[in-house]
Amino acid sequence: MKTKKKIIIYGVIVLLIIIFMLYSISYVFLQEDLIFFQFFHSEIPSERNLTNTVQSEISTTTYHNKEVIFEVAYKNTKFKSLNLIETIHNKTLIYEKIAPGTSGNFDILLKTKQDMQYAIQFKSKNEKPSNLQFSMSEKGTRYSSLEELGKELRGNISENEKKIIPIYWEWKYEGSEEKDKKDTLEGKNLKEYQFLIYVRGY
């Protein structure tokens, strides 16, 4: 009789341990999903306020042939900083700074070791010139900000694939006198435009 009681007690203890382990595992996955949802459906976190699931790579940013390289990992966010002056077309360079009439481009290179989806977003680190525009091809749809363009940068990436996402920018002179004056003023006051690139795998 005592043996049966012991067996029942041990069985209950083992069952409780299994239930607790299953709850812990499901809680971890739920937390990860909540972090992902909050990240891409609210304001992008600042460099100082990123959670532990976000891996900063600012100190190891690589500029090679105007490529910004990301190793995409599942449920992991990485970010890098870029200064637009480093992507400028030499033929449009004016006084070593971005200004009305300048243009350029850079590539975001994604690499991964497994099949997954990705999403890219941007966050400006200083004020953007009003008439600076961005696109995914030289003659493609123009976006008034990188943040707006980022809404289009989602897709699938396959195991061992290298996906290149080209980004073009141009600061055109506007036609009206009022807009030309604004361009001239902003061109005098702004030497560079810096921003963060965020890449999330899921």
N, C-alpha and C. Protein backbone atom coordinates (compact mmCIF):
# COMPACT_ATOMS: atom_id res chain seq x y z
N MET A 1 0.84 -1.22 0.00
CA MET A 1 0.00 0.00 0.00
C MET A 1 0.87 1.25 0.00
N LYS A 2 1.90 1.24 0.88
CA LYS A 2 2.80 2.39 0.95
C LYS A 2 3.54 2.57 -0.37
N THR A 3 3.88 1.45 -1.02
CA THR A 3 4.60 1.51 -2.31
C THR A 3 3.74 2.19 -3.36
N LYS A 4 2.45 1.86 -3.39
CA LYS A 4 1.55 2.49 -4.36
C LYS A 4 1.44 3.99 -4.12
N LYS A 5 1.38 4.39 -2.85
CA LYS A 5 1.32 5.82 -2.51
C LYS A 5 2.56 6.54 -2.99
N LYS A 6 3.72 5.90 -2.78
CA LYS A 6 4.99 6.51 -3.21
C LYS A 6 5.01 6.68 -4.73
N ILE A 7 4.54 5.62 -5.42
CA ILE A 7 4.51 5.68 -6.89
C ILE A 7 3.60 6.81 -7.36
N ILE A 8 2.44 6.95 -6.71
CA ILE A 8 1.49 8.02 -7.09
C ILE A 8 2.11 9.38 -6.82
N ILE A 9 2.76 9.53 -5.66
CA ILE A 9 3.38 10.81 -5.30
C ILE A 9 4.48 11.16 -6.30
N TYR A 10 5.36 10.18 -6.62
CA TYR A 10 6.42 10.41 -7.60
C TYR A 10 5.84 10.77 -8.97
N GLY A 11 4.76 10.07 -9.32
CA GLY A 11 4.12 10.35 -10.62
C GLY A 11 3.59 11.76 -10.68
N VAL A 12 2.96 12.21 -9.59
CA VAL A 12 2.42 13.58 -9.53
C VAL A 12 3.56 14.60 -9.63
N ILE A 13 4.65 14.33 -8.92
CA ILE A 13 5.81 15.26 -8.94
C ILE A 13 6.39 15.36 -10.35
N VAL A 14 6.58 14.18 -11.01
CA VAL A 14 7.10 14.18 -12.39
C VAL A 14 6.16 14.93 -13.32
N LEU A 15 4.86 14.71 -13.16
CA LEU A 15 3.87 15.40 -14.00
C LEU A 15 3.93 16.91 -13.80
N LEU A 16 4.07 17.35 -12.55
CA LEU A 16 4.18 18.78 -12.27
C LEU A 16 5.43 19.37 -12.89
N ILE A 17 6.54 18.61 -12.81
CA ILE A 17 7.80 19.09 -13.41
C ILE A 17 7.65 19.25 -14.92
N ILE A 18 7.01 18.26 -15.56
CA ILE A 18 6.80 18.32 -17.02
C ILE A 18 5.93 19.52 -17.39
N ILE A 19 4.85 19.72 -16.63
CA ILE A 19 3.95 20.86 -16.89
C ILE A 19 4.70 22.18 -16.75
N PHE A 20 5.52 22.28 -15.70
CA PHE A 20 6.29 23.50 -15.47
C PHE A 20 7.27 23.76 -16.62
N MET A 21 7.94 22.69 -17.10
CA MET A 21 8.90 22.84 -18.20
C MET A 21 8.20 23.28 -19.48
N LEU A 22 7.04 22.67 -19.77
CA LEU A 22 6.28 23.05 -20.97
C LEU A 22 5.82 24.49 -20.89
N TYR A 23 5.40 24.92 -19.71
CA TYR A 23 4.96 26.30 -19.51
C TYR A 23 6.12 27.26 -19.73
N SER A 24 7.30 26.92 -19.20
CA SER A 24 8.48 27.78 -19.33
C SER A 24 8.87 27.94 -20.79
N ILE A 25 8.88 26.80 -21.53
CA ILE A 25 9.26 26.85 -22.95
C ILE A 25 8.27 27.69 -23.74
N SER A 26 6.96 27.49 -23.51
CA SER A 26 5.95 28.26 -24.25
C SER A 26 6.03 29.73 -23.90
N TYR A 27 6.39 30.05 -22.65
CA TYR A 27 6.51 31.44 -22.23
C TYR A 27 7.65 32.13 -22.95
N VAL A 28 8.77 31.42 -23.10
CA VAL A 28 9.93 32.00 -23.80
C VAL A 28 9.58 32.33 -25.24
N PHE A 29 8.92 31.37 -25.94
CA PHE A 29 8.54 31.61 -27.32
C PHE A 29 7.53 32.74 -27.43
N LEU A 30 6.59 32.81 -26.48
CA LEU A 30 5.60 33.89 -26.48
C LEU A 30 6.28 35.23 -26.30
N GLN A 31 7.26 35.30 -25.40
CA GLN A 31 7.99 36.54 -25.17
C GLN A 31 8.72 36.98 -26.43
N GLU A 32 9.35 36.03 -27.13
CA GLU A 32 10.07 36.36 -28.36
C GLU A 32 9.12 36.91 -29.42
N ASP A 33 7.96 36.29 -29.55
CA ASP A 33 6.99 36.76 -30.53
C ASP A 33 6.47 38.15 -30.18
N LEU A 34 6.27 38.40 -28.89
CA LEU A 34 5.81 39.72 -28.45
C LEU A 34 6.86 40.78 -28.74
N ILE A 35 8.13 40.45 -28.50
CA ILE A 35 9.22 41.39 -28.78
C ILE A 35 9.26 41.71 -30.26
N PHE A 36 9.12 40.67 -31.10
CA PHE A 36 9.13 40.91 -32.55
C PHE A 36 7.97 41.79 -32.97
N PHE A 37 6.77 41.49 -32.45
CA PHE A 37 5.59 42.27 -32.81
C PHE A 37 5.76 43.73 -32.40
N GLN A 38 6.22 43.94 -31.15
CA GLN A 38 6.39 45.30 -30.65
C GLN A 38 7.45 46.04 -31.46
N PHE A 39 8.49 45.35 -31.87
CA PHE A 39 9.58 46.01 -32.59
C PHE A 39 9.14 46.56 -33.94
N PHE A 40 8.35 45.76 -34.68
CA PHE A 40 7.98 46.19 -36.01
C PHE A 40 6.61 46.86 -36.10
N HIS A 41 5.94 47.01 -34.97
CA HIS A 41 4.64 47.69 -35.00
C HIS A 41 4.60 48.87 -34.04
N SER A 42 5.75 49.36 -33.67
CA SER A 42 5.84 50.56 -32.84
C SER A 42 7.09 51.30 -33.24
N GLU A 43 7.40 52.36 -32.54
CA GLU A 43 8.58 53.16 -32.86
C GLU A 43 9.83 52.31 -32.70
N ILE A 44 10.77 52.42 -33.65
CA ILE A 44 12.00 51.65 -33.58
C ILE A 44 12.79 52.09 -32.35
N PRO A 45 13.32 51.14 -31.56
CA PRO A 45 14.05 51.52 -30.35
C PRO A 45 15.34 52.27 -30.67
N SER A 46 15.76 53.11 -29.74
CA SER A 46 17.02 53.83 -29.91
C SER A 46 18.19 52.90 -29.65
N GLU A 47 19.39 53.36 -29.98
CA GLU A 47 20.59 52.54 -29.76
C GLU A 47 20.73 52.16 -28.30
N ARG A 48 20.39 53.05 -27.38
CA ARG A 48 20.59 52.79 -25.96
C ARG A 48 19.50 51.93 -25.34
N ASN A 49 18.32 51.89 -25.99
CA ASN A 49 17.18 51.21 -25.38
C ASN A 49 16.84 49.88 -26.02
N LEU A 50 17.75 49.31 -26.81
CA LEU A 50 17.47 48.03 -27.44
C LEU A 50 17.44 46.93 -26.39
N THR A 51 16.55 45.93 -26.59
CA THR A 51 16.48 44.80 -25.66
C THR A 51 17.62 43.84 -25.92
N ASN A 52 17.74 42.84 -25.04
CA ASN A 52 18.83 41.87 -25.18
C ASN A 52 18.71 41.02 -26.43
N THR A 53 17.54 40.98 -27.05
CA THR A 53 17.38 40.19 -28.26
C THR A 53 17.91 40.93 -29.47
N VAL A 54 18.29 42.18 -29.32
CA VAL A 54 18.79 42.98 -30.43
C VAL A 54 20.30 43.05 -30.36
N GLN A 55 20.95 42.66 -31.43
CA GLN A 55 22.41 42.61 -31.43
C GLN A 55 22.96 43.80 -32.17
N SER A 56 23.72 44.65 -31.47
CA SER A 56 24.32 45.83 -32.09
C SER A 56 25.59 45.46 -32.82
N GLU A 57 25.70 45.95 -34.06
CA GLU A 57 26.92 45.71 -34.83
C GLU A 57 27.52 47.02 -35.31
N ILE A 58 27.17 48.12 -34.65
CA ILE A 58 27.66 49.41 -35.09
C ILE A 58 29.18 49.46 -35.09
N SER A 59 29.80 48.85 -34.08
CA SER A 59 31.25 48.91 -33.96
C SER A 59 31.95 48.12 -35.05
N THR A 60 31.23 47.22 -35.73
CA THR A 60 31.85 46.41 -36.76
C THR A 60 31.23 46.65 -38.13
N THR A 61 30.66 47.83 -38.33
CA THR A 61 30.05 48.15 -39.61
C THR A 61 31.07 48.02 -40.73
N THR A 62 30.69 47.34 -41.83
CA THR A 62 31.60 47.13 -42.94
C THR A 62 31.09 47.87 -44.17
N TYR A 63 31.91 48.72 -44.73
CA TYR A 63 31.59 49.40 -45.98
C TYR A 63 32.53 48.86 -47.04
N HIS A 64 32.01 48.04 -47.94
CA HIS A 64 32.82 47.46 -48.99
C HIS A 64 32.06 47.59 -50.29
N ASN A 65 32.60 48.44 -51.18
CA ASN A 65 31.90 48.73 -52.43
C ASN A 65 30.46 49.18 -52.15
N LYS A 66 30.32 50.02 -51.14
CA LYS A 66 29.02 50.57 -50.76
C LYS A 66 28.02 49.48 -50.36
N GLU A 67 28.50 48.42 -49.78
CA GLU A 67 27.64 47.35 -49.27
C GLU A 67 27.60 47.39 -47.75
N VAL A 68 26.40 47.25 -47.21
CA VAL A 68 26.24 47.11 -45.76
C VAL A 68 25.78 45.67 -45.54
N ILE A 69 26.61 44.87 -44.89
CA ILE A 69 26.41 43.43 -44.85
C ILE A 69 25.76 42.99 -43.53
N PHE A 70 24.73 42.15 -43.64
CA PHE A 70 24.04 41.61 -42.47
C PHE A 70 23.98 40.08 -42.57
N GLU A 71 24.32 39.40 -41.49
CA GLU A 71 24.09 37.96 -41.35
C GLU A 71 22.76 37.81 -40.63
N VAL A 72 21.72 37.44 -41.36
CA VAL A 72 20.37 37.39 -40.81
C VAL A 72 20.19 36.10 -40.00
N ALA A 73 19.68 36.24 -38.79
CA ALA A 73 19.45 35.09 -37.92
C ALA A 73 18.00 35.08 -37.46
N TYR A 74 17.48 33.90 -37.18
CA TYR A 74 16.07 33.74 -36.81
C TYR A 74 15.76 34.43 -35.48
N LYS A 75 14.71 35.26 -35.49
CA LYS A 75 14.27 36.01 -34.32
C LYS A 75 15.41 36.77 -33.66
N ASN A 76 16.21 37.42 -34.50
CA ASN A 76 17.33 38.22 -34.00
C ASN A 76 17.37 39.50 -34.81
N THR A 77 17.56 40.61 -34.14
CA THR A 77 17.63 41.91 -34.81
C THR A 77 19.05 42.45 -34.76
N LYS A 78 19.53 42.92 -35.89
CA LYS A 78 20.85 43.52 -35.96
C LYS A 78 20.71 44.92 -36.57
N PHE A 79 21.59 45.81 -36.19
CA PHE A 79 21.53 47.14 -36.77
C PHE A 79 22.93 47.70 -37.01
N LYS A 80 23.01 48.55 -38.02
CA LYS A 80 24.27 49.19 -38.36
C LYS A 80 24.01 50.65 -38.71
N SER A 81 25.02 51.46 -38.52
CA SER A 81 24.91 52.88 -38.78
C SER A 81 25.56 53.21 -40.12
N LEU A 82 24.96 54.14 -40.84
CA LEU A 82 25.51 54.54 -42.13
C LEU A 82 25.41 56.05 -42.30
N ASN A 83 26.46 56.64 -42.86
CA ASN A 83 26.49 58.06 -43.18
C ASN A 83 26.35 58.19 -44.69
N LEU A 84 25.37 58.93 -45.14
CA LEU A 84 25.06 59.00 -46.56
C LEU A 84 26.23 59.54 -47.39
N ILE A 85 27.09 60.33 -46.78
CA ILE A 85 28.23 60.89 -47.50
C ILE A 85 29.13 59.78 -48.03
N GLU A 86 29.12 58.61 -47.36
CA GLU A 86 29.97 57.50 -47.78
C GLU A 86 29.41 56.75 -48.98
N THR A 87 28.21 57.12 -49.41
CA THR A 87 27.58 56.44 -50.54
C THR A 87 27.41 57.36 -51.74
N ILE A 88 27.96 58.54 -51.69
CA ILE A 88 27.71 59.55 -52.71
C ILE A 88 28.44 59.24 -54.01
N HIS A 89 27.82 59.56 -55.13
CA HIS A 89 28.49 59.42 -56.42
C HIS A 89 29.53 60.54 -56.54
N ASN A 90 30.75 60.16 -56.83
CA ASN A 90 31.84 61.14 -56.86
C ASN A 90 31.56 62.30 -57.81
N LYS A 91 30.90 62.01 -58.92
CA LYS A 91 30.67 63.06 -59.92
C LYS A 91 29.69 64.12 -59.43
N THR A 92 28.92 63.81 -58.37
CA THR A 92 27.98 64.80 -57.85
C THR A 92 28.45 65.40 -56.53
N LEU A 93 29.65 65.03 -56.06
CA LEU A 93 30.14 65.50 -54.77
C LEU A 93 30.37 67.01 -54.80
N ILE A 94 29.84 67.68 -53.78
CA ILE A 94 29.96 69.14 -53.70
C ILE A 94 30.53 69.50 -52.33
N TYR A 95 31.74 70.03 -52.32
CA TYR A 95 32.38 70.49 -51.07
C TYR A 95 32.39 69.41 -49.98
N GLU A 96 32.59 68.15 -50.40
CA GLU A 96 32.70 67.04 -49.44
C GLU A 96 31.48 66.90 -48.53
N LYS A 97 30.30 67.16 -49.06
CA LYS A 97 29.09 66.98 -48.25
C LYS A 97 27.91 66.75 -49.18
N ILE A 98 26.82 66.22 -48.59
CA ILE A 98 25.61 66.08 -49.40
C ILE A 98 24.98 67.46 -49.54
N ALA A 99 24.43 67.73 -50.70
CA ALA A 99 23.87 69.05 -51.00
C ALA A 99 22.90 68.90 -52.15
N PRO A 100 22.08 69.91 -52.41
CA PRO A 100 21.20 69.85 -53.57
C PRO A 100 21.99 69.54 -54.84
N GLY A 101 21.53 68.56 -55.60
CA GLY A 101 22.23 68.17 -56.82
C GLY A 101 23.07 66.90 -56.65
N THR A 102 23.24 66.43 -55.42
CA THR A 102 24.03 65.22 -55.20
C THR A 102 23.13 63.98 -55.25
N SER A 103 23.76 62.83 -55.47
CA SER A 103 23.04 61.55 -55.51
C SER A 103 24.01 60.43 -55.16
N GLY A 104 23.46 59.25 -54.95
CA GLY A 104 24.32 58.12 -54.60
C GLY A 104 23.51 56.85 -54.44
N ASN A 105 24.17 55.81 -54.00
CA ASN A 105 23.47 54.55 -53.76
C ASN A 105 24.30 53.66 -52.84
N PHE A 106 23.64 52.69 -52.24
CA PHE A 106 24.32 51.67 -51.44
C PHE A 106 23.50 50.39 -51.51
N ASP A 107 24.14 49.29 -51.19
CA ASP A 107 23.46 47.98 -51.21
C ASP A 107 23.39 47.44 -49.79
N ILE A 108 22.25 46.86 -49.45
CA ILE A 108 22.13 46.08 -48.22
C ILE A 108 22.26 44.62 -48.62
N LEU A 109 23.30 43.96 -48.15
CA LEU A 109 23.55 42.57 -48.49
C LEU A 109 23.14 41.67 -47.33
N LEU A 110 22.18 40.78 -47.60
CA LEU A 110 21.69 39.85 -46.58
C LEU A 110 22.24 38.45 -46.84
N LYS A 111 22.72 37.81 -45.77
CA LYS A 111 23.19 36.42 -45.85
C LYS A 111 22.55 35.65 -44.70
N THR A 112 22.29 34.37 -44.92
CA THR A 112 21.69 33.56 -43.86
C THR A 112 22.06 32.10 -44.01
N LYS A 113 21.94 31.35 -42.92
CA LYS A 113 22.26 29.93 -42.94
C LYS A 113 21.01 29.06 -42.88
N GLN A 114 19.83 29.70 -42.94
CA GLN A 114 18.59 28.93 -42.92
C GLN A 114 17.48 29.71 -43.62
N ASP A 115 16.45 29.01 -44.04
CA ASP A 115 15.31 29.66 -44.69
C ASP A 115 14.55 30.49 -43.66
N MET A 116 14.17 31.70 -44.03
CA MET A 116 13.38 32.53 -43.13
C MET A 116 12.86 33.74 -43.87
N GLN A 117 12.11 34.54 -43.16
CA GLN A 117 11.66 35.83 -43.67
C GLN A 117 12.50 36.93 -43.03
N TYR A 118 12.54 38.08 -43.68
CA TYR A 118 13.30 39.20 -43.14
C TYR A 118 12.48 40.48 -43.27
N ALA A 119 12.83 41.45 -42.46
CA ALA A 119 12.24 42.78 -42.55
C ALA A 119 13.33 43.80 -42.28
N ILE A 120 13.30 44.90 -43.02
CA ILE A 120 14.31 45.96 -42.89
C ILE A 120 13.60 47.26 -42.53
N GLN A 121 14.16 47.98 -41.59
CA GLN A 121 13.64 49.31 -41.25
C GLN A 121 14.82 50.27 -41.03
N PHE A 122 14.49 51.55 -41.04
CA PHE A 122 15.50 52.59 -40.87
C PHE A 122 15.07 53.56 -39.77
N LYS A 123 16.05 54.22 -39.18
CA LYS A 123 15.75 55.30 -38.23
C LYS A 123 16.79 56.40 -38.41
N SER A 124 16.32 57.60 -38.70
CA SER A 124 17.23 58.73 -38.89
C SER A 124 17.88 59.14 -37.59
N LYS A 125 19.17 59.50 -37.66
CA LYS A 125 19.90 59.96 -36.48
C LYS A 125 19.97 61.48 -36.44
N ASN A 126 19.75 62.12 -37.57
CA ASN A 126 19.65 63.58 -37.60
C ASN A 126 18.64 63.97 -38.68
N GLU A 127 18.29 65.23 -38.73
CA GLU A 127 17.22 65.67 -39.62
C GLU A 127 17.57 65.46 -41.09
N LYS A 128 16.61 64.96 -41.84
CA LYS A 128 16.79 64.70 -43.26
C LYS A 128 16.42 65.94 -44.08
N PRO A 129 17.20 66.24 -45.11
CA PRO A 129 16.82 67.34 -46.01
C PRO A 129 15.44 67.09 -46.60
N SER A 130 14.65 68.11 -46.70
CA SER A 130 13.24 67.97 -47.11
C SER A 130 13.09 67.29 -48.46
N ASN A 131 13.93 67.63 -49.43
CA ASN A 131 13.76 67.13 -50.79
C ASN A 131 14.65 65.95 -51.14
N LEU A 132 15.26 65.34 -50.14
CA LEU A 132 16.05 64.13 -50.35
C LEU A 132 15.10 62.95 -50.52
N GLN A 133 15.24 62.20 -51.62
CA GLN A 133 14.32 61.10 -51.92
C GLN A 133 15.08 59.79 -52.10
N PHE A 134 14.35 58.67 -51.91
CA PHE A 134 14.96 57.34 -51.96
C PHE A 134 14.14 56.42 -52.86
N SER A 135 14.81 55.42 -53.43
CA SER A 135 14.12 54.44 -54.28
C SER A 135 14.92 53.14 -54.29
N MET A 136 14.31 52.09 -54.85
CA MET A 136 14.98 50.79 -54.94
C MET A 136 15.57 50.54 -56.31
N SER A 137 15.44 51.51 -57.20
CA SER A 137 16.10 51.47 -58.51
C SER A 137 16.20 52.90 -59.00
N GLU A 138 17.05 53.12 -59.98
CA GLU A 138 17.30 54.50 -60.43
C GLU A 138 16.03 55.18 -60.95
N LYS A 139 15.14 54.40 -61.53
CA LYS A 139 13.91 54.97 -62.09
C LYS A 139 12.66 54.44 -61.37
N GLY A 140 12.86 53.90 -60.16
CA GLY A 140 11.76 53.31 -59.42
C GLY A 140 10.94 54.35 -58.66
N THR A 141 9.95 53.85 -57.93
CA THR A 141 9.09 54.71 -57.11
C THR A 141 9.93 55.48 -56.10
N ARG A 142 9.68 56.78 -55.98
CA ARG A 142 10.42 57.63 -55.05
C ARG A 142 9.70 57.69 -53.71
N TYR A 143 10.48 57.61 -52.64
CA TYR A 143 9.96 57.72 -51.28
C TYR A 143 10.58 58.93 -50.60
N SER A 144 9.79 59.63 -49.82
CA SER A 144 10.25 60.88 -49.21
C SER A 144 11.16 60.65 -48.00
N SER A 145 11.22 59.40 -47.52
CA SER A 145 12.08 59.10 -46.37
C SER A 145 12.47 57.63 -46.39
N LEU A 146 13.56 57.30 -45.71
CA LEU A 146 13.96 55.91 -45.58
C LEU A 146 12.94 55.13 -44.75
N GLU A 147 12.36 55.79 -43.75
CA GLU A 147 11.35 55.14 -42.93
C GLU A 147 10.16 54.68 -43.79
N GLU A 148 9.77 55.51 -44.75
CA GLU A 148 8.68 55.16 -45.65
C GLU A 148 9.10 54.02 -46.58
N LEU A 149 10.31 54.07 -47.09
CA LEU A 149 10.82 53.02 -47.96
C LEU A 149 10.90 51.68 -47.22
N GLY A 150 11.26 51.73 -45.94
CA GLY A 150 11.42 50.51 -45.15
C GLY A 150 10.17 49.66 -45.07
N LYS A 151 9.00 50.27 -45.24
CA LYS A 151 7.74 49.51 -45.19
C LYS A 151 7.65 48.51 -46.34
N GLU A 152 8.44 48.73 -47.40
CA GLU A 152 8.41 47.84 -48.57
C GLU A 152 9.48 46.74 -48.50
N LEU A 153 10.38 46.84 -47.54
CA LEU A 153 11.54 45.95 -47.53
C LEU A 153 11.32 44.73 -46.64
N ARG A 154 10.47 43.84 -47.09
CA ARG A 154 10.20 42.56 -46.41
C ARG A 154 10.16 41.47 -47.45
N GLY A 155 10.57 40.27 -47.06
CA GLY A 155 10.55 39.19 -48.03
C GLY A 155 11.11 37.91 -47.46
N ASN A 156 11.42 36.97 -48.35
CA ASN A 156 11.96 35.67 -47.96
C ASN A 156 13.41 35.57 -48.40
N ILE A 157 14.17 34.83 -47.63
CA ILE A 157 15.57 34.56 -47.99
C ILE A 157 15.83 33.09 -47.70
N SER A 158 16.51 32.43 -48.63
CA SER A 158 16.74 30.99 -48.53
C SER A 158 18.09 30.68 -47.89
N GLU A 159 18.23 29.46 -47.44
CA GLU A 159 19.48 29.00 -46.82
C GLU A 159 20.66 29.23 -47.77
N ASN A 160 21.72 29.87 -47.23
CA ASN A 160 22.97 30.16 -47.95
C ASN A 160 22.79 31.14 -49.11
N GLU A 161 21.64 31.78 -49.19
CA GLU A 161 21.41 32.78 -50.24
C GLU A 161 22.05 34.11 -49.86
N LYS A 162 22.51 34.83 -50.85
CA LYS A 162 22.99 36.19 -50.65
C LYS A 162 22.05 37.11 -51.43
N LYS A 163 21.30 37.91 -50.71
CA LYS A 163 20.31 38.79 -51.34
C LYS A 163 20.79 40.23 -51.26
N ILE A 164 20.83 40.88 -52.40
CA ILE A 164 21.27 42.28 -52.47
C ILE A 164 20.05 43.17 -52.67
N ILE A 165 19.91 44.16 -51.79
CA ILE A 165 18.81 45.12 -51.88
C ILE A 165 19.41 46.50 -52.15
N PRO A 166 19.30 46.99 -53.37
CA PRO A 166 19.88 48.29 -53.72
C PRO A 166 19.01 49.45 -53.23
N ILE A 167 19.65 50.48 -52.72
CA ILE A 167 18.96 51.70 -52.30
C ILE A 167 19.60 52.89 -53.02
N TYR A 168 18.79 53.65 -53.72
CA TYR A 168 19.27 54.84 -54.43
C TYR A 168 18.72 56.09 -53.75
N TRP A 169 19.48 57.17 -53.80
CA TRP A 169 19.00 58.42 -53.25
C TRP A 169 19.41 59.58 -54.14
N GLU A 170 18.64 60.66 -54.08
CA GLU A 170 18.94 61.85 -54.87
C GLU A 170 18.35 63.08 -54.19
N TRP A 171 19.15 64.14 -54.17
CA TRP A 171 18.67 65.42 -53.66
C TRP A 171 18.55 66.35 -54.86
N LYS A 172 17.36 66.39 -55.42
CA LYS A 172 17.13 67.18 -56.63
C LYS A 172 16.82 68.63 -56.29
N TYR A 173 17.20 69.51 -57.22
CA TYR A 173 16.72 70.88 -57.12
C TYR A 173 15.24 70.90 -57.46
N GLU A 174 14.45 71.60 -56.67
CA GLU A 174 13.04 71.73 -56.99
C GLU A 174 12.83 72.90 -57.94
N GLY A 175 11.68 72.90 -58.60
CA GLY A 175 11.42 73.90 -59.64
C GLY A 175 11.02 75.28 -59.13
N SER A 176 10.33 75.35 -58.02
CA SER A 176 9.82 76.64 -57.58
C SER A 176 10.89 77.43 -56.82
N GLU A 177 10.73 78.73 -56.82
CA GLU A 177 11.69 79.61 -56.14
C GLU A 177 11.70 79.34 -54.64
N GLU A 178 10.51 79.12 -54.08
CA GLU A 178 10.40 78.87 -52.64
C GLU A 178 11.15 77.59 -52.24
N LYS A 179 10.98 76.53 -53.03
CA LYS A 179 11.65 75.26 -52.72
C LYS A 179 13.15 75.35 -52.96
N ASP A 180 13.56 76.12 -53.98
CA ASP A 180 14.99 76.31 -54.22
C ASP A 180 15.65 77.01 -53.04
N LYS A 181 14.96 77.98 -52.46
CA LYS A 181 15.50 78.68 -51.29
C LYS A 181 15.65 77.72 -50.11
N LYS A 182 14.66 76.85 -49.95
CA LYS A 182 14.71 75.87 -48.86
C LYS A 182 15.88 74.92 -49.07
N ASP A 183 16.08 74.45 -50.31
CA ASP A 183 17.21 73.59 -50.63
C ASP A 183 18.54 74.26 -50.30
N THR A 184 18.64 75.52 -50.70
CA THR A 184 19.89 76.27 -50.47
C THR A 184 20.17 76.41 -48.98
N LEU A 185 19.14 76.72 -48.20
CA LEU A 185 19.30 76.89 -46.75
C LEU A 185 19.71 75.58 -46.09
N GLU A 186 19.01 74.51 -46.45
CA GLU A 186 19.33 73.20 -45.86
C GLU A 186 20.71 72.73 -46.30
N GLY A 187 21.08 73.03 -47.54
CA GLY A 187 22.39 72.65 -48.04
C GLY A 187 23.52 73.33 -47.29
N LYS A 188 23.29 74.56 -46.84
CA LYS A 188 24.31 75.30 -46.08
C LYS A 188 24.44 74.77 -44.66
N ASN A 189 23.31 74.39 -44.08
CA ASN A 189 23.30 74.00 -42.67
C ASN A 189 23.60 72.53 -42.42
N LEU A 190 23.44 71.68 -43.45
CA LEU A 190 23.60 70.24 -43.26
C LEU A 190 24.82 69.73 -44.01
N LYS A 191 25.70 69.05 -43.29
CA LYS A 191 26.88 68.47 -43.93
C LYS A 191 26.71 66.98 -44.20
N GLU A 192 25.93 66.31 -43.37
CA GLU A 192 25.78 64.87 -43.52
C GLU A 192 24.41 64.43 -43.04
N TYR A 193 24.06 63.22 -43.45
CA TYR A 193 22.81 62.61 -43.01
C TYR A 193 23.13 61.18 -42.57
N GLN A 194 22.89 60.91 -41.29
CA GLN A 194 23.20 59.60 -40.73
C GLN A 194 21.90 58.89 -40.33
N PHE A 195 21.94 57.56 -40.43
CA PHE A 195 20.76 56.78 -40.07
C PHE A 195 21.17 55.37 -39.67
N LEU A 196 20.23 54.67 -39.04
CA LEU A 196 20.44 53.28 -38.64
C LEU A 196 19.66 52.36 -39.56
N ILE A 197 20.25 51.22 -39.89
CA ILE A 197 19.57 50.18 -40.66
C ILE A 197 19.33 48.99 -39.74
N TYR A 198 18.07 48.59 -39.60
CA TYR A 198 17.71 47.44 -38.76
C TYR A 198 17.29 46.27 -39.66
N VAL A 199 17.80 45.09 -39.36
CA VAL A 199 17.39 43.89 -40.10
C VAL A 199 16.96 42.83 -39.09
N ARG A 200 15.77 42.27 -39.31
CA ARG A 200 15.20 41.28 -38.41
C ARG A 200 14.87 40.01 -39.17
N GLY A 201 15.29 38.86 -38.63
CA GLY A 201 14.92 37.58 -39.22
C GLY A 201 13.80 36.94 -38.41
N TYR A 202 12.84 36.31 -39.10
CA TYR A 202 11.74 35.67 -38.37
C TYR A 202 11.14 34.55 -39.20
